[in-house]
N, C-alpha and C. Protein backbone atom coordinates (compact mmCIF):
# COMPACT_ATOMS: atom_id res chain seq x y z
N ASP A 1 25.38 8.71 -7.27
CA ASP A 1 24.47 7.49 -7.02
C ASP A 1 24.70 7.14 -5.42
N ILE A 2 23.52 6.58 -5.25
CA ILE A 2 23.32 5.93 -3.88
C ILE A 2 23.61 4.57 -4.09
N ASN A 3 24.58 4.08 -3.20
CA ASN A 3 25.02 2.68 -3.12
C ASN A 3 24.40 1.82 -2.20
N GLU A 4 24.47 0.59 -2.36
CA GLU A 4 23.95 -0.44 -1.17
C GLU A 4 24.28 -0.38 -0.03
N GLY A 5 23.37 -0.05 0.96
CA GLY A 5 23.74 -0.16 2.42
C GLY A 5 23.80 1.39 2.75
N GLU A 6 23.90 2.34 1.78
CA GLU A 6 24.02 3.83 2.25
C GLU A 6 22.88 4.25 2.70
N GLU A 7 22.93 5.22 3.47
CA GLU A 7 21.35 5.71 4.09
C GLU A 7 21.45 7.24 3.43
N ILE A 8 20.17 7.66 3.37
CA ILE A 8 19.65 8.66 2.99
C ILE A 8 19.09 9.46 4.01
N PHE A 9 19.50 10.84 4.52
CA PHE A 9 18.97 11.49 5.55
C PHE A 9 18.05 12.86 4.72
N ILE A 10 16.88 13.19 5.01
CA ILE A 10 16.34 13.94 4.38
C ILE A 10 15.89 15.17 5.49
N ASN A 11 16.05 16.31 5.21
CA ASN A 11 15.68 17.43 6.04
C ASN A 11 14.21 17.75 5.47
N TYR A 12 13.27 17.68 6.35
CA TYR A 12 11.63 18.02 5.98
C TYR A 12 11.57 19.55 5.95
N GLY A 13 12.45 20.31 6.20
CA GLY A 13 12.43 21.95 6.15
C GLY A 13 12.07 22.44 7.44
N LEU A 14 12.29 23.50 7.63
CA LEU A 14 12.02 24.37 8.99
C LEU A 14 10.49 24.40 9.27
N GLU A 15 9.65 24.67 8.39
CA GLU A 15 8.12 24.76 8.74
C GLU A 15 7.66 23.26 9.21
N TRP A 16 8.27 22.06 8.72
CA TRP A 16 7.61 20.84 9.45
C TRP A 16 8.64 20.75 10.60
N GLN A 17 9.75 21.00 10.58
CA GLN A 17 10.18 21.19 12.04
C GLN A 17 9.81 21.82 13.04
N SER A 18 9.48 23.08 12.85
CA SER A 18 8.50 23.85 13.63
C SER A 18 7.35 23.31 13.97
N ALA A 19 6.32 22.87 13.07
CA ALA A 19 4.95 22.11 13.25
C ALA A 19 5.47 21.00 14.27
N TRP A 20 6.28 20.22 14.01
CA TRP A 20 6.49 18.92 14.81
C TRP A 20 7.19 19.43 16.41
N ARG A 21 7.80 20.25 16.69
CA ARG A 21 8.09 20.98 18.04
C ARG A 21 7.10 21.23 18.67
N GLU A 22 6.03 21.98 18.14
CA GLU A 22 4.99 22.55 18.55
C GLU A 22 3.97 21.48 18.81
N HIS A 23 3.83 20.55 18.01
CA HIS A 23 3.13 19.53 18.37
C HIS A 23 3.65 18.62 19.70
N VAL A 24 5.05 18.39 19.92
CA VAL A 24 5.40 17.56 21.05
C VAL A 24 5.35 18.53 22.19
N GLU A 25 5.23 20.04 22.06
CA GLU A 25 5.02 20.57 23.42
C GLU A 25 3.70 20.64 23.81
N ASN A 26 2.70 20.50 22.89
CA ASN A 26 1.37 20.88 23.17
C ASN A 26 0.64 19.53 23.18
N TRP A 27 1.04 18.37 22.90
CA TRP A 27 0.34 17.11 22.88
C TRP A 27 0.17 16.55 24.06
N SER A 28 -1.00 15.71 24.51
CA SER A 28 -1.41 15.27 25.56
C SER A 28 -2.36 13.97 25.31
N PRO A 29 -2.17 12.98 25.83
CA PRO A 29 -3.08 11.69 25.26
C PRO A 29 -4.33 11.95 25.57
N GLU A 30 -5.09 11.06 24.80
CA GLU A 30 -6.69 11.14 24.99
C GLU A 30 -6.79 10.52 26.29
N GLU A 31 -8.20 10.69 26.45
CA GLU A 31 -8.67 10.19 27.96
C GLU A 31 -8.67 8.77 28.04
N THR A 32 -8.84 8.16 26.95
CA THR A 32 -9.01 6.60 26.96
C THR A 32 -7.69 5.96 26.63
N ALA A 33 -6.58 6.74 26.46
CA ALA A 33 -5.16 5.84 26.10
C ALA A 33 -4.84 5.00 27.11
N LYS A 34 -4.92 5.32 28.42
CA LYS A 34 -4.27 4.21 29.43
C LYS A 34 -5.04 2.99 29.25
N ASP A 35 -6.24 2.97 28.86
CA ASP A 35 -6.88 1.67 28.83
C ASP A 35 -6.69 1.20 27.57
N TYR A 36 -6.20 1.83 26.56
CA TYR A 36 -6.27 1.15 25.19
C TYR A 36 -4.94 0.01 24.89
N LYS A 37 -5.72 -0.91 23.96
CA LYS A 37 -4.69 -1.84 23.75
C LYS A 37 -5.02 -2.25 22.28
N SER A 38 -4.01 -2.27 21.49
CA SER A 38 -3.99 -2.68 19.84
C SER A 38 -4.27 -4.08 19.80
N SER A 39 -4.73 -4.43 18.47
CA SER A 39 -4.84 -5.90 18.18
C SER A 39 -3.42 -6.66 18.54
N TRP A 40 -2.31 -5.84 18.44
CA TRP A 40 -0.93 -6.52 18.57
C TRP A 40 -0.72 -6.91 19.86
N HIS A 41 -1.36 -6.18 20.91
CA HIS A 41 -1.38 -6.79 22.36
C HIS A 41 -1.99 -8.30 22.39
N TYR A 42 -3.09 -8.20 21.68
CA TYR A 42 -3.78 -9.53 21.88
C TYR A 42 -3.08 -10.64 21.09
N THR A 43 -2.42 -10.39 20.13
CA THR A 43 -1.85 -11.46 18.99
C THR A 43 -0.35 -11.77 19.58
N SER A 44 0.01 -10.93 20.41
CA SER A 44 1.36 -11.23 20.94
C SER A 44 1.55 -12.03 22.20
N THR A 45 0.39 -12.25 22.68
CA THR A 45 0.31 -13.08 23.90
C THR A 45 0.02 -14.54 23.56
N ASN A 46 -0.24 -14.89 22.37
CA ASN A 46 -0.39 -16.17 21.74
C ASN A 46 -1.39 -16.84 22.85
N ASP A 47 -2.36 -16.18 23.30
CA ASP A 47 -3.30 -16.99 23.96
C ASP A 47 -4.52 -17.27 22.76
N VAL A 48 -5.59 -18.06 23.33
CA VAL A 48 -6.51 -18.62 22.46
C VAL A 48 -7.45 -17.56 22.25
N ILE A 49 -8.22 -17.42 20.99
CA ILE A 49 -9.10 -16.37 20.57
C ILE A 49 -10.32 -16.62 21.66
N ARG A 50 -10.56 -15.71 22.26
CA ARG A 50 -11.95 -15.72 23.14
C ARG A 50 -13.26 -16.20 22.48
N THR A 51 -14.09 -16.61 23.15
CA THR A 51 -15.49 -16.91 22.55
C THR A 51 -16.05 -15.91 23.07
N ASN A 52 -17.44 -15.75 22.52
CA ASN A 52 -18.38 -14.69 23.07
C ASN A 52 -18.80 -14.75 24.34
N GLU A 53 -18.71 -16.06 25.10
CA GLU A 53 -19.00 -16.04 26.44
C GLU A 53 -18.14 -15.88 27.39
N GLU A 54 -16.51 -15.59 26.80
CA GLU A 54 -15.53 -15.38 27.68
C GLU A 54 -15.51 -13.71 27.72
N GLU A 55 -14.46 -13.23 28.33
CA GLU A 55 -14.17 -11.54 28.36
C GLU A 55 -14.22 -11.22 27.18
N LYS A 56 -15.10 -9.92 27.02
CA LYS A 56 -15.38 -9.29 25.70
C LYS A 56 -14.03 -8.65 25.56
N TYR A 57 -13.57 -8.56 23.94
CA TYR A 57 -12.48 -7.70 23.61
C TYR A 57 -13.05 -6.20 23.78
N PRO A 58 -12.05 -5.20 23.68
CA PRO A 58 -12.77 -3.96 23.62
C PRO A 58 -13.32 -3.47 22.30
N ASP A 59 -13.58 -2.47 22.32
CA ASP A 59 -14.76 -2.26 20.91
C ASP A 59 -13.74 -1.76 19.93
N ASN A 60 -12.27 -1.55 20.09
CA ASN A 60 -11.45 -1.27 18.90
C ASN A 60 -10.96 -2.41 18.15
N ILE A 61 -11.24 -3.80 18.83
CA ILE A 61 -10.90 -5.01 18.39
C ILE A 61 -12.02 -5.83 17.48
N MET A 62 -11.41 -6.66 16.53
CA MET A 62 -12.58 -7.40 15.75
C MET A 62 -11.65 -8.69 15.50
N ILE A 63 -12.66 -9.58 15.21
CA ILE A 63 -12.08 -10.91 15.03
C ILE A 63 -12.54 -11.49 13.55
N ARG A 64 -11.70 -11.83 12.86
CA ARG A 64 -12.22 -12.05 11.28
C ARG A 64 -11.59 -13.73 11.30
N CYS A 65 -12.38 -14.05 10.34
CA CYS A 65 -12.19 -15.66 9.98
C CYS A 65 -12.14 -15.46 8.54
N VAL A 66 -10.92 -16.62 8.02
CA VAL A 66 -10.68 -16.91 6.86
C VAL A 66 -11.48 -17.65 5.82
N ILE A 67 -12.30 -17.12 5.10
CA ILE A 67 -13.63 -17.87 4.53
C ILE A 67 -13.42 -18.04 3.32
N LEU A 68 -13.82 -18.81 2.44
CA LEU A 68 -13.66 -19.06 0.91
C LEU A 68 -14.67 -18.03 0.24
N GLY A 69 -15.72 -17.63 0.75
CA GLY A 69 -16.70 -16.52 0.17
C GLY A 69 -18.10 -17.24 0.40
N ASP A 70 -18.87 -16.65 -0.50
CA ASP A 70 -20.41 -17.28 -0.32
C ASP A 70 -20.60 -18.65 -1.09
N ASP A 71 -19.79 -18.67 -1.98
CA ASP A 71 -19.92 -19.88 -2.97
C ASP A 71 -20.07 -20.92 -2.38
N TRP A 72 -19.22 -21.59 -1.24
CA TRP A 72 -19.42 -22.79 -0.86
C TRP A 72 -20.41 -22.93 0.11
N ILE A 73 -20.72 -22.00 0.78
CA ILE A 73 -21.91 -21.87 1.62
C ILE A 73 -23.06 -22.32 1.11
N GLY A 74 -23.41 -21.93 -0.22
CA GLY A 74 -24.51 -22.36 -0.79
C GLY A 74 -24.53 -23.80 -1.43
N GLN A 75 -23.16 -23.97 -1.51
CA GLN A 75 -22.93 -25.91 -1.94
C GLN A 75 -22.96 -26.78 -1.04
N THR A 76 -22.92 -26.27 0.16
CA THR A 76 -22.95 -27.13 1.20
C THR A 76 -24.33 -27.55 2.01
N ILE A 77 -24.33 -28.59 2.92
CA ILE A 77 -25.61 -28.87 3.36
C ILE A 77 -25.59 -28.69 5.01
N PRO A 78 -26.48 -27.87 5.40
CA PRO A 78 -26.50 -27.45 6.96
C PRO A 78 -26.64 -28.74 7.71
N GLU A 79 -25.95 -28.77 8.66
CA GLU A 79 -26.12 -29.98 9.34
C GLU A 79 -26.51 -29.51 11.01
N PRO A 80 -27.35 -30.28 11.75
CA PRO A 80 -27.58 -29.83 12.96
C PRO A 80 -26.34 -29.70 13.84
N GLY A 81 -26.44 -29.02 14.86
CA GLY A 81 -25.48 -29.01 15.88
C GLY A 81 -25.97 -28.25 17.14
N PRO A 82 -25.10 -28.28 18.02
CA PRO A 82 -25.44 -27.67 19.25
C PRO A 82 -25.49 -26.15 19.39
N PHE A 83 -25.27 -25.48 17.91
CA PHE A 83 -25.30 -24.11 18.12
C PHE A 83 -26.27 -23.63 17.02
N GLY A 84 -27.09 -24.80 16.22
CA GLY A 84 -27.84 -24.49 15.09
C GLY A 84 -27.45 -25.26 14.15
N GLU A 85 -27.96 -25.01 13.33
CA GLU A 85 -27.53 -25.43 11.65
C GLU A 85 -26.37 -25.21 11.47
N SER A 86 -25.37 -25.85 11.16
CA SER A 86 -24.07 -25.50 10.78
C SER A 86 -23.66 -25.87 9.51
N ARG A 87 -22.41 -25.54 9.13
CA ARG A 87 -21.52 -25.83 7.88
C ARG A 87 -20.32 -25.90 8.16
N ILE A 88 -19.74 -27.08 7.81
CA ILE A 88 -18.20 -27.34 8.08
C ILE A 88 -17.25 -26.50 7.25
N TRP A 89 -16.58 -26.06 8.01
CA TRP A 89 -15.34 -25.09 7.27
C TRP A 89 -14.75 -26.12 6.04
N GLN A 90 -14.82 -25.09 5.02
CA GLN A 90 -14.00 -25.58 3.85
C GLN A 90 -12.57 -25.15 3.91
N GLY A 91 -11.40 -25.95 3.61
CA GLY A 91 -10.14 -25.43 3.40
C GLY A 91 -10.08 -24.15 2.63
N SER A 92 -8.85 -23.41 3.06
CA SER A 92 -8.82 -22.11 2.15
C SER A 92 -7.33 -22.40 1.59
N THR A 93 -6.96 -21.99 0.40
CA THR A 93 -5.75 -21.85 -0.10
C THR A 93 -5.00 -20.68 0.05
N GLU A 94 -5.55 -19.76 0.52
CA GLU A 94 -5.03 -18.38 0.71
C GLU A 94 -3.77 -18.73 1.82
N THR A 95 -2.67 -17.88 1.36
CA THR A 95 -1.37 -17.69 2.15
C THR A 95 -1.19 -16.50 2.79
N TRP A 96 -2.07 -15.58 2.54
CA TRP A 96 -2.07 -14.31 2.91
C TRP A 96 -3.33 -13.92 3.54
N PHE A 97 -3.35 -13.53 4.69
CA PHE A 97 -4.87 -13.53 5.25
C PHE A 97 -4.96 -11.78 5.49
N GLY A 98 -6.07 -11.31 5.17
CA GLY A 98 -6.41 -9.78 5.46
C GLY A 98 -7.71 -9.58 5.24
N PHE A 99 -7.89 -8.43 5.02
CA PHE A 99 -9.51 -7.98 4.95
C PHE A 99 -10.06 -8.58 3.80
N GLU A 100 -9.52 -8.81 2.62
CA GLU A 100 -9.92 -9.19 1.35
C GLU A 100 -10.09 -10.86 1.56
N THR A 101 -9.48 -11.42 2.30
CA THR A 101 -9.95 -12.96 2.31
C THR A 101 -10.36 -13.29 3.57
N SER A 102 -11.22 -12.58 4.28
CA SER A 102 -11.62 -12.83 5.52
C SER A 102 -12.99 -11.88 5.52
N VAL A 103 -13.76 -12.57 6.84
CA VAL A 103 -15.17 -12.00 7.13
C VAL A 103 -15.04 -11.87 8.69
N PRO A 104 -15.74 -10.63 9.26
CA PRO A 104 -15.93 -10.61 10.49
C PRO A 104 -16.59 -11.70 11.11
N CYS A 105 -16.41 -12.32 12.42
CA CYS A 105 -16.93 -13.53 12.74
C CYS A 105 -17.13 -13.42 14.10
N GLU A 106 -17.74 -13.98 14.83
CA GLU A 106 -18.01 -13.90 16.31
C GLU A 106 -17.70 -15.56 16.73
N ILE A 107 -16.81 -15.68 17.58
CA ILE A 107 -16.47 -17.20 18.09
C ILE A 107 -17.52 -17.47 19.01
N VAL A 108 -18.27 -18.80 18.68
CA VAL A 108 -19.10 -19.51 19.60
C VAL A 108 -18.74 -20.49 20.57
N HIS A 109 -17.62 -20.89 19.91
CA HIS A 109 -17.18 -22.45 20.74
C HIS A 109 -15.54 -22.58 20.16
N ARG A 110 -14.97 -23.22 21.41
CA ARG A 110 -13.47 -23.48 20.99
C ARG A 110 -13.18 -24.98 21.73
N GLU A 111 -12.60 -25.76 20.90
CA GLU A 111 -12.24 -27.33 21.30
C GLU A 111 -10.80 -27.21 21.14
N MET A 112 -10.15 -27.60 22.45
CA MET A 112 -8.78 -27.57 22.73
C MET A 112 -8.75 -29.13 22.75
N THR A 113 -7.49 -29.63 22.18
CA THR A 113 -6.74 -31.11 22.66
C THR A 113 -6.27 -31.08 23.64
N PRO A 114 -6.58 -31.67 24.91
CA PRO A 114 -5.54 -31.66 26.15
C PRO A 114 -4.16 -31.99 25.98
N GLY A 115 -3.39 -31.07 26.37
CA GLY A 115 -1.86 -31.02 26.22
C GLY A 115 -1.55 -30.67 24.94
N ALA A 116 -2.37 -30.06 24.11
CA ALA A 116 -1.83 -29.69 22.77
C ALA A 116 -1.75 -28.39 22.55
N PRO A 117 -0.52 -27.65 21.81
CA PRO A 117 -0.63 -26.25 21.75
C PRO A 117 -1.71 -25.69 21.45
N VAL A 118 -1.58 -24.28 21.79
CA VAL A 118 -2.80 -23.27 21.54
C VAL A 118 -3.30 -23.24 19.93
N GLU A 119 -2.00 -23.48 19.17
CA GLU A 119 -2.51 -23.03 17.78
C GLU A 119 -3.25 -24.19 17.39
N SER A 120 -3.53 -25.23 18.08
CA SER A 120 -4.04 -26.58 17.56
C SER A 120 -5.85 -26.36 17.60
N ALA A 121 -6.11 -25.32 18.36
CA ALA A 121 -7.50 -25.10 18.64
C ALA A 121 -8.35 -25.05 17.44
N ILE A 122 -9.48 -25.55 17.73
CA ILE A 122 -10.53 -25.57 16.40
C ILE A 122 -11.68 -24.80 16.79
N TYR A 123 -12.10 -23.88 16.10
CA TYR A 123 -13.20 -22.94 16.33
C TYR A 123 -14.42 -23.37 15.60
N THR A 124 -15.50 -22.66 16.25
CA THR A 124 -16.95 -22.91 15.55
C THR A 124 -17.25 -21.14 15.78
N ALA A 125 -17.70 -20.70 14.47
CA ALA A 125 -17.91 -19.27 14.29
C ALA A 125 -19.33 -18.88 13.82
N ARG A 126 -19.73 -17.57 14.21
CA ARG A 126 -20.79 -17.20 13.55
C ARG A 126 -20.29 -15.99 12.48
N ILE A 127 -20.73 -16.38 11.00
CA ILE A 127 -20.51 -15.37 10.16
C ILE A 127 -21.45 -14.72 9.67
N ASN A 128 -21.34 -13.60 9.17
CA ASN A 128 -22.59 -12.91 8.44
C ASN A 128 -22.07 -13.04 6.86
N SER A 129 -22.97 -13.90 6.12
CA SER A 129 -22.88 -14.06 4.61
C SER A 129 -23.57 -13.16 4.08
N ASP A 130 -23.09 -12.26 3.08
CA ASP A 130 -23.77 -11.22 2.20
C ASP A 130 -25.09 -11.83 1.72
N ILE A 131 -24.97 -12.94 1.20
CA ILE A 131 -26.08 -13.66 0.48
C ILE A 131 -26.83 -14.78 1.48
N HIS A 132 -26.40 -15.45 2.34
CA HIS A 132 -26.97 -16.28 3.09
C HIS A 132 -27.14 -15.90 4.67
N GLY A 133 -27.22 -14.84 5.06
CA GLY A 133 -26.95 -14.10 6.37
C GLY A 133 -26.30 -14.84 7.44
N ASP A 134 -26.59 -14.83 8.62
CA ASP A 134 -25.98 -15.61 9.67
C ASP A 134 -25.65 -16.96 9.55
N VAL A 135 -24.73 -17.13 9.36
CA VAL A 135 -24.38 -18.79 9.03
C VAL A 135 -23.36 -19.27 10.25
N ILE A 136 -23.56 -20.30 10.96
CA ILE A 136 -22.53 -21.16 11.76
C ILE A 136 -21.58 -21.95 11.21
N VAL A 137 -20.37 -21.83 11.28
CA VAL A 137 -19.23 -22.56 10.56
C VAL A 137 -18.60 -23.33 11.64
N THR A 138 -18.54 -24.36 11.62
CA THR A 138 -17.61 -25.19 12.42
C THR A 138 -16.17 -25.79 11.81
N GLY A 139 -15.33 -26.11 12.61
CA GLY A 139 -13.90 -26.73 12.19
C GLY A 139 -12.81 -25.82 11.76
N ILE A 140 -13.15 -24.48 12.09
CA ILE A 140 -11.98 -23.81 11.52
C ILE A 140 -10.83 -23.78 12.44
N PRO A 141 -9.63 -23.83 11.97
CA PRO A 141 -8.36 -24.14 12.60
C PRO A 141 -8.06 -22.84 12.86
N ASP A 142 -7.30 -22.81 13.86
CA ASP A 142 -6.86 -21.40 14.54
C ASP A 142 -6.07 -20.41 13.74
N ASP A 143 -5.22 -21.20 12.74
CA ASP A 143 -4.59 -20.49 11.68
C ASP A 143 -5.58 -19.69 10.83
N TYR A 144 -6.68 -19.81 10.79
CA TYR A 144 -7.41 -19.05 9.89
C TYR A 144 -8.49 -18.09 10.59
N ILE A 145 -8.16 -17.85 12.01
CA ILE A 145 -8.93 -16.99 12.36
C ILE A 145 -7.53 -15.73 12.95
N PHE A 146 -8.21 -14.60 12.87
CA PHE A 146 -7.21 -13.46 13.54
C PHE A 146 -7.93 -12.49 14.13
N ILE A 147 -7.16 -11.79 14.91
CA ILE A 147 -7.48 -10.53 15.98
C ILE A 147 -7.03 -9.35 14.87
N CYS A 148 -7.84 -8.16 14.93
CA CYS A 148 -7.34 -7.05 14.16
C CYS A 148 -7.85 -6.13 14.81
N ASP A 149 -7.47 -4.72 14.42
CA ASP A 149 -8.23 -3.43 14.81
C ASP A 149 -9.31 -3.34 13.80
N GLN A 150 -10.31 -2.66 15.00
CA GLN A 150 -11.49 -1.91 13.84
C GLN A 150 -10.95 -0.96 12.97
N PRO A 151 -11.54 -0.85 11.76
CA PRO A 151 -11.05 0.30 10.77
C PRO A 151 -11.21 1.48 11.68
N TYR A 152 -10.02 2.39 11.46
CA TYR A 152 -9.83 3.69 11.83
C TYR A 152 -9.75 3.73 13.35
N THR A 153 -9.09 2.80 14.22
CA THR A 153 -9.11 2.64 15.55
C THR A 153 -7.86 2.86 16.02
N ILE A 154 -6.84 2.84 14.98
CA ILE A 154 -5.39 2.49 15.43
C ILE A 154 -5.04 4.24 16.00
N ASP A 155 -3.70 4.15 16.20
CA ASP A 155 -3.18 5.66 16.75
C ASP A 155 -3.18 6.59 15.33
N ASP A 156 -2.78 6.07 14.22
CA ASP A 156 -3.07 7.13 13.30
C ASP A 156 -4.28 7.67 13.01
N PHE A 157 -5.33 7.39 13.35
CA PHE A 157 -6.57 8.11 13.51
C PHE A 157 -7.07 8.81 14.60
N LEU A 158 -6.35 8.89 15.67
CA LEU A 158 -6.46 9.78 16.72
C LEU A 158 -6.66 11.26 16.39
N PRO A 159 -7.49 12.10 16.98
CA PRO A 159 -7.57 13.43 16.60
C PRO A 159 -6.43 14.14 16.78
N GLY A 160 -5.70 13.85 17.77
CA GLY A 160 -4.32 14.60 18.01
C GLY A 160 -3.26 14.12 17.39
N ALA A 161 -3.25 13.17 16.16
CA ALA A 161 -2.11 12.54 15.52
C ALA A 161 -1.42 13.59 14.71
N PHE A 162 -0.06 13.72 14.80
CA PHE A 162 0.51 14.83 14.06
C PHE A 162 0.49 14.36 12.57
N ARG A 163 0.33 15.14 11.80
CA ARG A 163 0.11 15.39 10.38
C ARG A 163 0.41 16.78 9.73
N HIS A 164 1.51 16.53 8.70
CA HIS A 164 2.03 17.88 8.17
C HIS A 164 2.73 17.53 6.91
N GLU A 165 2.14 18.40 6.10
CA GLU A 165 2.98 18.55 4.58
C GLU A 165 4.61 18.36 4.81
N ILE A 166 5.19 17.40 4.23
CA ILE A 166 6.92 17.61 3.98
C ILE A 166 7.18 18.20 2.56
N ASN A 167 7.75 19.35 2.78
CA ASN A 167 8.07 20.18 1.80
C ASN A 167 9.62 19.83 1.45
N VAL A 168 9.83 19.00 0.20
CA VAL A 168 10.97 18.68 0.00
C VAL A 168 11.52 19.53 -1.41
N PRO A 169 12.66 20.13 -1.39
CA PRO A 169 12.94 20.96 -2.43
C PRO A 169 13.11 20.24 -3.55
N ASP A 170 12.69 20.66 -4.77
CA ASP A 170 13.07 19.85 -6.01
C ASP A 170 14.48 19.69 -6.32
N GLU A 171 15.31 20.90 -5.85
CA GLU A 171 16.91 20.65 -6.37
C GLU A 171 17.35 19.33 -5.28
N MET A 172 16.71 18.78 -4.38
CA MET A 172 17.34 17.82 -3.62
C MET A 172 17.39 16.65 -4.32
N PHE A 173 16.47 16.16 -5.53
CA PHE A 173 16.42 15.19 -6.30
C PHE A 173 17.13 15.25 -7.57
N PRO A 174 17.85 14.21 -7.84
CA PRO A 174 18.72 14.07 -9.27
C PRO A 174 17.83 14.35 -10.60
N ASP A 175 18.45 15.08 -11.34
CA ASP A 175 17.84 15.32 -12.65
C ASP A 175 16.98 14.18 -13.20
N THR A 176 17.44 12.98 -13.08
CA THR A 176 17.28 11.84 -13.60
C THR A 176 15.79 11.36 -13.05
N TRP A 177 15.61 11.77 -11.72
CA TRP A 177 14.45 11.55 -11.24
C TRP A 177 13.26 12.69 -11.42
N ASN A 178 13.71 13.60 -12.17
CA ASN A 178 12.86 14.82 -12.43
C ASN A 178 12.30 14.62 -14.07
N ASP A 179 12.05 13.69 -14.39
CA ASP A 179 12.05 13.12 -16.06
C ASP A 179 10.40 13.79 -16.55
N LEU A 180 9.60 14.05 -15.40
CA LEU A 180 8.30 14.21 -15.91
C LEU A 180 8.08 15.44 -16.78
N LYS A 181 7.33 15.68 -17.64
CA LYS A 181 7.08 16.88 -18.63
C LYS A 181 5.99 17.74 -17.88
N GLU A 182 6.13 18.72 -18.03
CA GLU A 182 5.37 19.82 -17.16
C GLU A 182 4.29 20.04 -18.39
């Protein structure tokens, strides 16, 4: 039995170890690696999210806005504004933000209250609604906009990333774990 607090060490086997050793000896970084910055770099600085008029983020970075979906867009009346017809952001009850609860967006304006922390910024963004096309949304709180990596641009997807099958011998596992019938 494995007790709480105990560690398990797994030997991946000689084939894996040999492949890893060869990878380490022959690996060299991609040419663009020196300039690469992941989304973590931008989120860890606690800076404001840049507007499209400011310095552009690299191609591997995207901005996403937490939006309730297309339903509320059709139920709101567009109002004239400095960026064209816009809709006022509707609050979200989402407590976890990810791709499923957000849409790609482009920040067109940021309002800061003088002397207030960065987190109090309010944004205006252009989103692309599947139903309504490009829509300007105003009044989006900082907490509902996040910076993330474009799909397939993190280190895991680099051409030279290490991948190798782990061959764990069956006898390593207790019989109670091997209860599947063949």
